[in-house]
Amino acid sequence: MAVQFVLSYPFRMDLENNRFATVNSTTDTYKAEQVQGFLRTEKGERTMFPTFGIEDPVFNFFDAGEFLDAFNEYYTNIKIDEIDIVETSGKVTDVMVSFL
């Protein structure tokens, strides 16, 4: 796979180099940013990609199976290893995703 630099997510400036921050698309940092972006996007939010994201990005309800199915439609190069759902007082407070 050829090295490709893409805009970092969340979008930010690289003040040391006076340019937009980028990340190497072959690194774990890139993969983590893609998982994070997918989890933070509500389905239908992106007009050009209406099925991108999850139904409830604030985790009032989180369905790991739905996440995996939707994520795998967009990312064939990122393999999800494990999903841990953290609950506090019966509510989902965090979703931890491990990838390969």
Protein backbone atom coordinates (compact mmCIF):
# COMPACT_ATOMS: atom_id res chain seq x y z
CA MET A 1 0.00 0.00 0.00
CA ALA A 2 1.38 3.38 -1.00
CA VAL A 3 1.82 5.99 1.70
CA GLN A 4 -0.82 8.66 1.44
CA PHE A 5 -1.31 11.65 3.71
CA VAL A 6 -4.90 12.70 4.38
CA LEU A 7 -6.47 15.47 6.43
CA SER A 8 -6.54 14.65 10.11
CA TYR A 9 -9.83 14.24 11.98
CA PRO A 10 -10.90 16.25 13.80
CA PHE A 11 -9.82 18.96 11.41
CA ARG A 12 -7.06 21.14 12.84
CA MET A 13 -4.09 23.25 11.90
CA ASP A 14 -0.44 22.19 12.13
CA LEU A 15 0.90 25.46 13.53
CA GLU A 16 4.53 24.36 13.40
CA ASN A 17 4.35 23.96 9.63
CA ASN A 18 1.59 26.53 8.90
CA ARG A 19 -0.67 24.04 7.12
CA PHE A 20 -3.59 21.72 7.69
CA ALA A 21 -2.75 18.73 9.89
CA THR A 22 -2.40 15.46 8.03
CA VAL A 23 -1.93 11.83 9.00
CA ASN A 24 -0.31 8.91 7.20
CA SER A 25 -3.11 6.62 5.97
CA THR A 26 -1.15 3.48 6.88
CA THR A 27 -0.86 4.27 10.60
CA ASP A 28 -2.92 3.33 13.65
CA THR A 29 -3.53 7.05 14.20
CA TYR A 30 -5.36 7.20 10.87
CA LYS A 31 -7.43 4.12 11.75
CA ALA A 32 -8.34 5.53 15.17
CA GLU A 33 -9.42 8.83 13.57
CA GLN A 34 -11.64 6.96 11.08
CA VAL A 35 -13.31 4.90 13.83
CA GLN A 36 -13.81 8.04 15.92
CA GLY A 37 -15.30 9.94 12.99
CA PHE A 38 -17.68 7.10 12.21
CA LEU A 39 -18.85 6.83 15.83
CA ARG A 40 -19.42 10.59 16.07
CA THR A 41 -21.49 10.84 12.89
CA GLU A 42 -25.24 10.31 12.87
CA LYS A 43 -26.67 8.42 9.90
CA GLY A 44 -28.11 10.89 7.41
CA GLU A 45 -25.84 13.70 8.60
CA ARG A 46 -23.64 13.53 5.49
CA THR A 47 -25.75 14.21 2.44
CA MET A 48 -23.39 12.48 0.01
CA PHE A 49 -23.07 9.42 2.26
CA PRO A 50 -26.43 9.03 4.05
CA THR A 51 -25.60 5.57 5.49
CA PHE A 52 -22.27 6.71 6.99
CA GLY A 53 -22.28 6.71 10.79
CA ILE A 54 -24.50 5.24 13.47
CA GLU A 55 -28.10 5.84 14.52
CA ASP A 56 -27.25 7.30 17.92
CA PRO A 57 -23.78 8.92 18.21
CA VAL A 58 -24.49 10.08 21.79
CA PHE A 59 -24.95 6.44 22.87
CA ASN A 60 -28.42 6.59 24.38
CA PHE A 61 -28.56 3.17 22.74
CA PHE A 62 -25.60 1.47 21.07
CA ASP A 63 -25.86 -1.63 18.91
CA ALA A 64 -22.40 -3.13 18.28
CA GLY A 65 -23.73 -5.31 15.45
CA GLU A 66 -25.22 -2.32 13.66
CA PHE A 67 -21.95 -0.45 14.08
CA LEU A 68 -19.89 -3.32 12.64
CA ASP A 69 -22.19 -3.81 9.65
CA ALA A 70 -22.24 -0.12 8.78
CA PHE A 71 -18.52 0.41 9.44
CA ASN A 72 -17.51 -2.53 7.23
CA GLU A 73 -19.44 -1.01 4.31
CA TYR A 74 -17.03 1.94 4.28
CA TYR A 75 -13.76 0.57 5.62
CA THR A 76 -12.49 -2.70 4.22
CA ASN A 77 -8.91 -1.92 5.26
CA ILE A 78 -9.68 -1.50 8.98
CA LYS A 79 -10.58 -4.69 10.82
CA ILE A 80 -12.43 -4.30 14.11
CA ASP A 81 -11.02 -6.69 16.72
CA GLU A 82 -13.16 -5.96 19.77
CA ILE A 83 -15.88 -3.60 21.00
CA ASP A 84 -16.25 -2.92 24.72
CA ILE A 85 -19.34 -1.06 25.86
CA VAL A 86 -18.88 0.75 29.18
CA GLU A 87 -22.06 1.31 31.18
CA THR A 88 -22.49 3.45 34.27
CA SER A 89 -25.79 3.34 36.16
CA GLY A 90 -27.34 1.35 33.33
CA LYS A 91 -26.41 3.88 30.62
CA VAL A 92 -23.77 3.58 27.92
CA THR A 93 -21.04 6.07 28.76
CA ASP A 94 -18.26 4.96 26.44
CA VAL A 95 -17.55 2.64 23.54
CA MET A 96 -14.02 1.28 23.25
CA VAL A 97 -13.10 -0.09 19.81
CA SER A 98 -9.96 -2.15 19.19
CA PHE A 99 -8.80 -2.65 15.62
CA LEU A 100 -6.14 -4.44 13.65
